[in-house]
Amino acid sequence: MAALKYLWSPWRMKYIQNHRRDTACIFCLAAAQADSPENLIVKRGEFVFVILNRFPYTSGHLMVVPYQHTANLEELTAACRAEMMELATASIEVLKKVYRPQGFNLGMNLGEPAGAGIADHLHMHIVPRWSGDTNFMSTVGQVRVLPEELEETYRRIKDVWEPIKTK
């Protein structure tokens, strides 16, 4: 039942009804807030942060996001790009401990034609995967069913992340 609650939550409908492309950047807004289940940030670095995807493909779908608001990878400093990879690596380590996935999708969609949902603020996706995790709901219905609510995913990842060391 948790999956249905997530899928049809009042927050989700409010977001869909009020979402406009000319609103403030969701990543910049999240970065300005204190870490909590509301903003979904699970880890902060010097140049980037790790946040749960509010509309995940699978449980544990994370994104590594630079604080710098830019669509262009080449505008980030070498230190920022390096920290993105370090936190992506740590994200994989955490997700292996929490969910024991069989594989991962890791990558960026740069620009709207490349599939970026938020094209103005680049970000890297880390998606845990399992054999057979795509079913008719995703393929035919364009609907995702998740086995747990985002608040639970946030708690599980945050609890495991604390002892993980990053550069």
N, C-alpha and C. Protein backbone atom coordinates (compact mmCIF):
# COMPACT_ATOMS: atom_id res chain seq x y z
N MET A 1 0.81 -1.20 0.00
CA MET A 1 0.00 0.00 0.00
C MET A 1 0.86 1.26 0.00
N ALA A 2 2.07 1.16 0.53
CA ALA A 2 2.96 2.32 0.56
C ALA A 2 3.23 2.84 -0.83
N ALA A 3 3.36 1.95 -1.81
CA ALA A 3 3.63 2.37 -3.18
C ALA A 3 2.48 3.21 -3.72
N LEU A 4 1.25 2.81 -3.44
CA LEU A 4 0.11 3.58 -3.92
C LEU A 4 0.05 4.94 -3.24
N LYS A 5 0.34 4.96 -1.95
CA LYS A 5 0.35 6.24 -1.23
C LYS A 5 1.37 7.18 -1.87
N TYR A 6 2.56 6.66 -2.18
CA TYR A 6 3.58 7.49 -2.81
C TYR A 6 3.13 7.96 -4.19
N LEU A 7 2.58 7.02 -4.95
CA LEU A 7 2.21 7.32 -6.32
C LEU A 7 1.14 8.40 -6.41
N TRP A 8 0.19 8.40 -5.47
CA TRP A 8 -0.93 9.34 -5.52
C TRP A 8 -0.95 10.29 -4.35
N SER A 9 0.18 10.61 -3.80
CA SER A 9 0.22 11.47 -2.61
C SER A 9 -0.28 12.88 -2.94
N PRO A 10 -0.85 13.57 -1.96
CA PRO A 10 -1.30 14.95 -2.19
C PRO A 10 -0.16 15.86 -2.63
N TRP A 11 1.05 15.64 -2.08
CA TRP A 11 2.20 16.46 -2.48
C TRP A 11 2.46 16.32 -3.97
N ARG A 12 2.39 15.10 -4.47
CA ARG A 12 2.66 14.83 -5.88
C ARG A 12 1.66 15.57 -6.77
N MET A 13 0.39 15.53 -6.41
CA MET A 13 -0.63 16.23 -7.19
C MET A 13 -0.40 17.74 -7.13
N LYS A 14 -0.07 18.25 -5.96
CA LYS A 14 0.21 19.68 -5.81
C LYS A 14 1.37 20.09 -6.72
N TYR A 15 2.44 19.25 -6.77
CA TYR A 15 3.59 19.53 -7.63
C TYR A 15 3.17 19.56 -9.09
N ILE A 16 2.41 18.55 -9.51
CA ILE A 16 1.98 18.46 -10.91
C ILE A 16 1.11 19.64 -11.29
N GLN A 17 0.17 20.01 -10.42
CA GLN A 17 -0.75 21.10 -10.72
C GLN A 17 -0.07 22.47 -10.73
N ASN A 18 0.95 22.64 -9.90
CA ASN A 18 1.59 23.95 -9.77
C ASN A 18 2.94 24.07 -10.46
N HIS A 19 3.44 22.99 -11.06
CA HIS A 19 4.78 23.01 -11.66
C HIS A 19 4.79 23.90 -12.90
N ARG A 20 5.75 24.82 -12.92
CA ARG A 20 5.96 25.68 -14.08
C ARG A 20 7.45 25.73 -14.35
N ARG A 21 7.81 25.81 -15.62
CA ARG A 21 9.22 25.84 -16.00
C ARG A 21 9.92 27.12 -15.57
N ASP A 22 9.20 28.20 -15.33
CA ASP A 22 9.85 29.46 -14.97
C ASP A 22 10.00 29.62 -13.45
N THR A 23 9.77 28.56 -12.70
CA THR A 23 9.94 28.62 -11.25
C THR A 23 11.42 28.46 -10.90
N ALA A 24 11.75 28.71 -9.64
CA ALA A 24 13.14 28.59 -9.19
C ALA A 24 13.63 27.15 -9.34
N CYS A 25 14.91 27.00 -9.46
CA CYS A 25 15.55 25.69 -9.63
C CYS A 25 15.34 24.84 -8.38
N ILE A 26 14.82 23.61 -8.57
CA ILE A 26 14.56 22.75 -7.41
C ILE A 26 15.85 22.34 -6.70
N PHE A 27 16.95 22.23 -7.44
CA PHE A 27 18.22 21.85 -6.81
C PHE A 27 18.76 23.01 -5.97
N CYS A 28 18.67 24.22 -6.48
CA CYS A 28 19.13 25.38 -5.72
C CYS A 28 18.27 25.59 -4.48
N LEU A 29 16.96 25.39 -4.60
CA LEU A 29 16.06 25.51 -3.45
C LEU A 29 16.39 24.46 -2.39
N ALA A 30 16.61 23.22 -2.82
CA ALA A 30 16.93 22.14 -1.87
C ALA A 30 18.25 22.42 -1.16
N ALA A 31 19.25 22.88 -1.90
CA ALA A 31 20.57 23.14 -1.31
C ALA A 31 20.52 24.23 -0.25
N ALA A 32 19.57 25.15 -0.37
CA ALA A 32 19.44 26.25 0.59
C ALA A 32 18.73 25.84 1.87
N GLN A 33 18.13 24.66 1.90
CA GLN A 33 17.40 24.19 3.07
C GLN A 33 18.26 23.27 3.93
N ALA A 34 17.86 23.11 5.17
CA ALA A 34 18.52 22.14 6.06
C ALA A 34 18.19 20.73 5.58
N ASP A 35 19.14 19.82 5.74
CA ASP A 35 18.93 18.44 5.32
C ASP A 35 17.81 17.81 6.15
N SER A 36 16.90 17.15 5.44
CA SER A 36 15.76 16.52 6.10
C SER A 36 15.03 15.65 5.09
N PRO A 37 14.07 14.86 5.54
CA PRO A 37 13.28 14.09 4.59
C PRO A 37 12.48 14.97 3.63
N GLU A 38 12.29 16.25 3.95
CA GLU A 38 11.55 17.14 3.06
C GLU A 38 12.40 17.57 1.85
N ASN A 39 13.68 17.88 2.06
CA ASN A 39 14.49 18.30 0.92
C ASN A 39 15.27 17.13 0.31
N LEU A 40 15.33 16.00 1.00
CA LEU A 40 15.89 14.74 0.50
C LEU A 40 17.40 14.72 0.29
N ILE A 41 18.14 15.70 0.81
CA ILE A 41 19.59 15.68 0.69
C ILE A 41 20.15 14.72 1.75
N VAL A 42 20.91 13.74 1.29
CA VAL A 42 21.46 12.72 2.20
C VAL A 42 22.94 12.94 2.51
N LYS A 43 23.63 13.74 1.69
CA LYS A 43 25.06 13.98 1.92
C LYS A 43 25.46 15.30 1.25
N ARG A 44 26.32 16.06 1.94
CA ARG A 44 26.84 17.31 1.37
C ARG A 44 28.36 17.23 1.31
N GLY A 45 28.89 17.73 0.22
CA GLY A 45 30.32 17.88 0.07
C GLY A 45 30.64 19.36 -0.02
N GLU A 46 31.88 19.66 -0.38
CA GLU A 46 32.29 21.07 -0.52
C GLU A 46 31.68 21.71 -1.76
N PHE A 47 31.61 20.96 -2.87
CA PHE A 47 31.15 21.51 -4.15
C PHE A 47 29.85 20.90 -4.64
N VAL A 48 29.48 19.74 -4.11
CA VAL A 48 28.30 19.02 -4.58
C VAL A 48 27.54 18.40 -3.41
N PHE A 49 26.31 17.99 -3.68
CA PHE A 49 25.52 17.28 -2.69
C PHE A 49 24.83 16.09 -3.35
N VAL A 50 24.38 15.15 -2.51
CA VAL A 50 23.67 13.97 -2.98
C VAL A 50 22.24 14.06 -2.48
N ILE A 51 21.31 13.88 -3.39
CA ILE A 51 19.89 14.03 -3.09
C ILE A 51 19.11 12.87 -3.69
N LEU A 52 18.07 12.44 -2.98
CA LEU A 52 17.17 11.43 -3.54
C LEU A 52 16.36 12.04 -4.68
N ASN A 53 16.11 11.27 -5.70
CA ASN A 53 15.23 11.70 -6.77
C ASN A 53 13.79 11.63 -6.27
N ARG A 54 13.07 12.72 -6.35
CA ARG A 54 11.69 12.76 -5.86
C ARG A 54 10.77 11.87 -6.71
N PHE A 55 11.15 11.60 -7.94
CA PHE A 55 10.37 10.74 -8.83
C PHE A 55 11.28 9.62 -9.34
N PRO A 56 11.67 8.71 -8.45
CA PRO A 56 12.71 7.73 -8.77
C PRO A 56 12.27 6.64 -9.74
N TYR A 57 13.25 6.10 -10.46
CA TYR A 57 13.01 4.94 -11.31
C TYR A 57 12.96 3.68 -10.45
N THR A 58 13.79 3.64 -9.40
CA THR A 58 13.80 2.53 -8.45
C THR A 58 14.05 3.11 -7.06
N SER A 59 13.80 2.33 -6.03
CA SER A 59 14.13 2.78 -4.68
C SER A 59 15.63 3.00 -4.59
N GLY A 60 16.02 4.12 -3.98
CA GLY A 60 17.44 4.43 -3.83
C GLY A 60 18.01 5.26 -4.97
N HIS A 61 17.18 5.70 -5.92
CA HIS A 61 17.65 6.52 -7.04
C HIS A 61 18.18 7.85 -6.50
N LEU A 62 19.50 8.03 -6.61
CA LEU A 62 20.17 9.23 -6.11
C LEU A 62 20.65 10.11 -7.25
N MET A 63 20.91 11.37 -6.93
CA MET A 63 21.52 12.29 -7.88
C MET A 63 22.64 13.05 -7.17
N VAL A 64 23.75 13.23 -7.86
CA VAL A 64 24.85 14.04 -7.37
C VAL A 64 24.76 15.37 -8.12
N VAL A 65 24.67 16.46 -7.36
CA VAL A 65 24.36 17.77 -7.92
C VAL A 65 25.37 18.81 -7.46
N PRO A 66 25.97 19.57 -8.38
CA PRO A 66 26.85 20.65 -7.94
C PRO A 66 26.03 21.80 -7.35
N TYR A 67 26.60 22.51 -6.38
CA TYR A 67 25.94 23.71 -5.86
C TYR A 67 25.86 24.77 -6.96
N GLN A 68 26.85 24.81 -7.82
CA GLN A 68 26.89 25.79 -8.91
C GLN A 68 25.76 25.50 -9.89
N HIS A 69 24.94 26.50 -10.14
CA HIS A 69 23.82 26.36 -11.08
C HIS A 69 24.35 26.55 -12.50
N THR A 70 24.54 25.44 -13.20
CA THR A 70 25.00 25.49 -14.59
C THR A 70 24.50 24.26 -15.33
N ALA A 71 24.32 24.42 -16.62
CA ALA A 71 23.93 23.30 -17.48
C ALA A 71 25.15 22.67 -18.14
N ASN A 72 26.31 23.30 -17.98
CA ASN A 72 27.50 22.90 -18.73
C ASN A 72 28.57 22.26 -17.85
N LEU A 73 28.88 21.03 -18.14
CA LEU A 73 29.89 20.30 -17.38
C LEU A 73 31.23 21.02 -17.42
N GLU A 74 31.58 21.59 -18.54
CA GLU A 74 32.87 22.25 -18.70
C GLU A 74 33.00 23.53 -17.86
N GLU A 75 31.90 24.05 -17.35
CA GLU A 75 31.95 25.23 -16.48
C GLU A 75 32.29 24.89 -15.03
N LEU A 76 32.24 23.62 -14.67
CA LEU A 76 32.60 23.21 -13.31
C LEU A 76 34.11 23.14 -13.18
N THR A 77 34.61 23.41 -12.01
CA THR A 77 36.04 23.29 -11.77
C THR A 77 36.43 21.81 -11.75
N ALA A 78 37.71 21.55 -11.92
CA ALA A 78 38.21 20.18 -11.84
C ALA A 78 37.92 19.58 -10.47
N ALA A 79 38.04 20.40 -9.42
CA ALA A 79 37.77 19.92 -8.07
C ALA A 79 36.30 19.52 -7.90
N CYS A 80 35.40 20.28 -8.48
CA CYS A 80 33.98 19.97 -8.41
C CYS A 80 33.68 18.67 -9.16
N ARG A 81 34.23 18.53 -10.37
CA ARG A 81 34.01 17.30 -11.14
C ARG A 81 34.58 16.09 -10.41
N ALA A 82 35.73 16.27 -9.79
CA ALA A 82 36.33 15.16 -9.03
C ALA A 82 35.45 14.78 -7.84
N GLU A 83 34.93 15.78 -7.14
CA GLU A 83 34.06 15.49 -6.00
C GLU A 83 32.77 14.82 -6.45
N MET A 84 32.27 15.17 -7.62
CA MET A 84 31.08 14.49 -8.16
C MET A 84 31.34 13.00 -8.29
N MET A 85 32.50 12.64 -8.81
CA MET A 85 32.82 11.22 -8.97
C MET A 85 33.05 10.53 -7.62
N GLU A 86 33.68 11.23 -6.69
CA GLU A 86 33.90 10.65 -5.36
C GLU A 86 32.57 10.38 -4.66
N LEU A 87 31.64 11.33 -4.74
CA LEU A 87 30.34 11.12 -4.09
C LEU A 87 29.48 10.13 -4.87
N ALA A 88 29.67 10.03 -6.17
CA ALA A 88 28.97 8.98 -6.93
C ALA A 88 29.47 7.61 -6.49
N THR A 89 30.78 7.48 -6.31
CA THR A 89 31.37 6.23 -5.84
C THR A 89 30.87 5.88 -4.44
N ALA A 90 30.84 6.86 -3.55
CA ALA A 90 30.32 6.63 -2.20
C ALA A 90 28.83 6.27 -2.24
N SER A 91 28.09 6.89 -3.15
CA SER A 91 26.66 6.57 -3.31
C SER A 91 26.47 5.11 -3.68
N ILE A 92 27.29 4.63 -4.58
CA ILE A 92 27.21 3.22 -4.99
C ILE A 92 27.51 2.32 -3.80
N GLU A 93 28.53 2.68 -3.01
CA GLU A 93 28.88 1.90 -1.81
C GLU A 93 27.70 1.84 -0.84
N VAL A 94 27.07 2.99 -0.60
CA VAL A 94 25.91 3.05 0.30
C VAL A 94 24.76 2.21 -0.25
N LEU A 95 24.46 2.38 -1.53
CA LEU A 95 23.33 1.66 -2.12
C LEU A 95 23.56 0.15 -2.12
N LYS A 96 24.80 -0.28 -2.28
CA LYS A 96 25.11 -1.72 -2.20
C LYS A 96 24.79 -2.25 -0.81
N LYS A 97 25.11 -1.47 0.22
CA LYS A 97 24.84 -1.91 1.59
C LYS A 97 23.34 -1.90 1.91
N VAL A 98 22.63 -0.90 1.42
CA VAL A 98 21.21 -0.75 1.77
C VAL A 98 20.32 -1.67 0.94
N TYR A 99 20.54 -1.74 -0.37
CA TYR A 99 19.60 -2.42 -1.27
C TYR A 99 20.14 -3.67 -1.96
N ARG A 100 21.45 -3.86 -1.94
CA ARG A 100 22.08 -5.00 -2.59
C ARG A 100 21.64 -5.15 -4.06
N PRO A 101 21.76 -4.08 -4.84
CA PRO A 101 21.36 -4.17 -6.25
C PRO A 101 22.32 -5.07 -7.04
N GLN A 102 21.85 -5.53 -8.18
CA GLN A 102 22.67 -6.38 -9.06
C GLN A 102 23.47 -5.55 -10.05
N GLY A 103 23.15 -4.28 -10.19
CA GLY A 103 23.86 -3.40 -11.11
C GLY A 103 23.44 -1.95 -10.87
N PHE A 104 24.01 -1.06 -11.68
CA PHE A 104 23.72 0.37 -11.56
C PHE A 104 23.67 1.01 -12.94
N ASN A 105 22.82 2.03 -13.08
CA ASN A 105 22.92 2.98 -14.18
C ASN A 105 23.52 4.24 -13.56
N LEU A 106 24.52 4.78 -14.20
CA LEU A 106 25.20 5.98 -13.72
C LEU A 106 25.38 6.90 -14.91
N GLY A 107 24.90 8.15 -14.81
CA GLY A 107 25.11 9.04 -15.94
C GLY A 107 24.40 10.37 -15.83
N MET A 108 24.63 11.18 -16.87
CA MET A 108 24.05 12.52 -16.98
C MET A 108 23.36 12.66 -18.31
N ASN A 109 22.26 13.38 -18.31
CA ASN A 109 21.58 13.78 -19.53
C ASN A 109 21.82 15.28 -19.67
N LEU A 110 22.68 15.66 -20.57
CA LEU A 110 23.06 17.07 -20.71
C LEU A 110 22.25 17.70 -21.84
N GLY A 111 21.32 18.56 -21.47
CA GLY A 111 20.45 19.22 -22.42
C GLY A 111 19.12 18.51 -22.56
N GLU A 112 18.09 19.29 -22.84
CA GLU A 112 16.74 18.73 -22.98
C GLU A 112 16.64 17.68 -24.08
N PRO A 113 17.28 17.88 -25.25
CA PRO A 113 17.20 16.85 -26.29
C PRO A 113 17.84 15.51 -25.87
N ALA A 114 18.74 15.57 -24.88
CA ALA A 114 19.39 14.35 -24.38
C ALA A 114 18.58 13.68 -23.28
N GLY A 115 17.45 14.28 -22.92
CA GLY A 115 16.58 13.68 -21.92
C GLY A 115 16.64 14.31 -20.54
N ALA A 116 17.33 15.44 -20.41
CA ALA A 116 17.42 16.09 -19.10
C ALA A 116 16.07 16.66 -18.71
N GLY A 117 15.54 16.22 -17.57
CA GLY A 117 14.29 16.76 -17.06
C GLY A 117 14.48 18.15 -16.47
N ILE A 118 15.66 18.38 -15.91
CA ILE A 118 16.03 19.70 -15.39
C ILE A 118 17.32 20.08 -16.12
N ALA A 119 17.17 20.66 -17.27
CA ALA A 119 18.29 20.90 -18.18
C ALA A 119 19.21 22.04 -17.72
N ASP A 120 18.68 22.97 -16.93
CA ASP A 120 19.46 24.15 -16.55
C ASP A 120 20.46 23.91 -15.41
N HIS A 121 20.33 22.79 -14.70
CA HIS A 121 21.22 22.50 -13.58
C HIS A 121 21.66 21.05 -13.71
N LEU A 122 22.86 20.85 -14.22
CA LEU A 122 23.30 19.48 -14.48
C LEU A 122 23.38 18.67 -13.20
N HIS A 123 23.22 17.37 -13.35
CA HIS A 123 23.24 16.45 -12.22
C HIS A 123 23.50 15.05 -12.75
N MET A 124 24.07 14.22 -11.89
CA MET A 124 24.40 12.84 -12.25
C MET A 124 23.44 11.90 -11.53
N HIS A 125 22.88 10.95 -12.26
CA HIS A 125 21.97 9.96 -11.69
C HIS A 125 22.74 8.70 -11.30
N ILE A 126 22.39 8.14 -10.16
CA ILE A 126 22.86 6.83 -9.73
C ILE A 126 21.60 6.01 -9.45
N VAL A 127 21.35 5.02 -10.31
CA VAL A 127 20.11 4.24 -10.23
C VAL A 127 20.46 2.78 -9.96
N PRO A 128 20.10 2.26 -8.78
CA PRO A 128 20.32 0.84 -8.53
C PRO A 128 19.39 0.01 -9.41
N ARG A 129 19.88 -1.14 -9.91
CA ARG A 129 19.08 -1.98 -10.81
C ARG A 129 19.13 -3.44 -10.39
N TRP A 130 18.07 -4.14 -10.72
CA TRP A 130 17.93 -5.56 -10.47
C TRP A 130 17.39 -6.21 -11.74
N SER A 131 17.74 -7.45 -11.97
CA SER A 131 17.18 -8.18 -13.11
C SER A 131 15.67 -8.19 -12.98
N GLY A 132 15.00 -7.80 -14.06
CA GLY A 132 13.53 -7.81 -14.08
C GLY A 132 12.89 -6.65 -13.35
N ASP A 133 13.63 -5.56 -13.05
CA ASP A 133 13.01 -4.45 -12.32
C ASP A 133 12.13 -3.56 -13.19
N THR A 134 12.12 -3.76 -14.49
CA THR A 134 11.20 -3.04 -15.37
C THR A 134 10.08 -4.00 -15.71
N ASN A 135 8.85 -3.58 -15.40
CA ASN A 135 7.71 -4.45 -15.69
C ASN A 135 6.69 -3.71 -16.55
N PHE A 136 5.54 -4.30 -16.73
CA PHE A 136 4.54 -3.72 -17.61
C PHE A 136 4.07 -2.36 -17.12
N MET A 137 4.11 -2.10 -15.79
CA MET A 137 3.66 -0.80 -15.27
C MET A 137 4.53 0.32 -15.84
N SER A 138 5.85 0.13 -15.85
CA SER A 138 6.76 1.15 -16.38
C SER A 138 6.71 1.19 -17.89
N THR A 139 6.71 0.03 -18.51
CA THR A 139 6.81 -0.04 -19.96
C THR A 139 5.54 0.41 -20.67
N VAL A 140 4.41 -0.08 -20.22
CA VAL A 140 3.14 0.21 -20.90
C VAL A 140 2.43 1.40 -20.27
N GLY A 141 2.36 1.42 -18.95
CA GLY A 141 1.57 2.43 -18.27
C GLY A 141 2.31 3.70 -17.93
N GLN A 142 3.64 3.74 -18.14
CA GLN A 142 4.45 4.90 -17.77
C GLN A 142 4.24 5.28 -16.30
N VAL A 143 4.10 4.26 -15.45
CA VAL A 143 3.89 4.43 -14.02
C VAL A 143 4.96 3.63 -13.29
N ARG A 144 5.46 4.16 -12.19
CA ARG A 144 6.44 3.43 -11.39
C ARG A 144 5.82 3.07 -10.05
N VAL A 145 6.05 1.85 -9.63
CA VAL A 145 5.57 1.40 -8.33
C VAL A 145 6.80 1.11 -7.48
N LEU A 146 6.89 1.74 -6.32
CA LEU A 146 8.04 1.58 -5.44
C LEU A 146 7.63 0.84 -4.17
N PRO A 147 8.51 -0.02 -3.65
CA PRO A 147 8.16 -0.80 -2.47
C PRO A 147 8.23 -0.03 -1.16
N GLU A 148 8.75 1.20 -1.17
CA GLU A 148 8.81 1.97 0.07
C GLU A 148 8.64 3.46 -0.23
N GLU A 149 8.23 4.21 0.78
CA GLU A 149 8.05 5.65 0.64
C GLU A 149 9.40 6.35 0.69
N LEU A 150 9.48 7.55 0.12
CA LEU A 150 10.73 8.31 0.07
C LEU A 150 11.29 8.58 1.46
N GLU A 151 10.44 8.83 2.44
CA GLU A 151 10.91 9.10 3.79
C GLU A 151 11.69 7.90 4.35
N GLU A 152 11.22 6.69 4.04
CA GLU A 152 11.90 5.48 4.49
C GLU A 152 13.22 5.31 3.74
N THR A 153 13.21 5.56 2.43
CA THR A 153 14.44 5.49 1.64
C THR A 153 15.46 6.48 2.20
N TYR A 154 15.02 7.70 2.48
CA TYR A 154 15.89 8.74 3.04
C TYR A 154 16.53 8.24 4.34
N ARG A 155 15.72 7.71 5.26
CA ARG A 155 16.21 7.25 6.55
C ARG A 155 17.23 6.12 6.38
N ARG A 156 16.92 5.16 5.53
CA ARG A 156 17.81 4.01 5.34
C ARG A 156 19.16 4.43 4.78
N ILE A 157 19.14 5.31 3.77
CA ILE A 157 20.39 5.76 3.14
C ILE A 157 21.19 6.64 4.10
N LYS A 158 20.52 7.56 4.77
CA LYS A 158 21.19 8.47 5.71
C LYS A 158 21.86 7.69 6.84
N ASP A 159 21.18 6.66 7.34
CA ASP A 159 21.74 5.85 8.43
C ASP A 159 23.01 5.13 8.02
N VAL A 160 23.07 4.65 6.80
CA VAL A 160 24.25 3.90 6.34
C VAL A 160 25.35 4.85 5.91
N TRP A 161 25.01 6.03 5.43
CA TRP A 161 26.01 6.94 4.88
C TRP A 161 26.99 7.45 5.93
N GLU A 162 26.54 7.69 7.12
CA GLU A 162 27.38 8.35 8.14
C GLU A 162 28.78 7.75 8.27
N PRO A 163 28.95 6.42 8.34
CA PRO A 163 30.32 5.89 8.49
C PRO A 163 31.12 5.84 7.19
N ILE A 164 30.51 6.10 6.04
CA ILE A 164 31.22 6.05 4.76
C ILE A 164 32.16 7.24 4.65
N LYS A 165 33.40 6.98 4.32
CA LYS A 165 34.41 8.04 4.18
C LYS A 165 34.50 8.48 2.73
N THR A 166 34.51 9.79 2.52
CA THR A 166 34.73 10.36 1.19
C THR A 166 35.90 11.33 1.29
N LYS A 167 36.52 11.58 0.16
CA LYS A 167 37.66 12.51 0.14
C LYS A 167 37.23 13.91 0.42
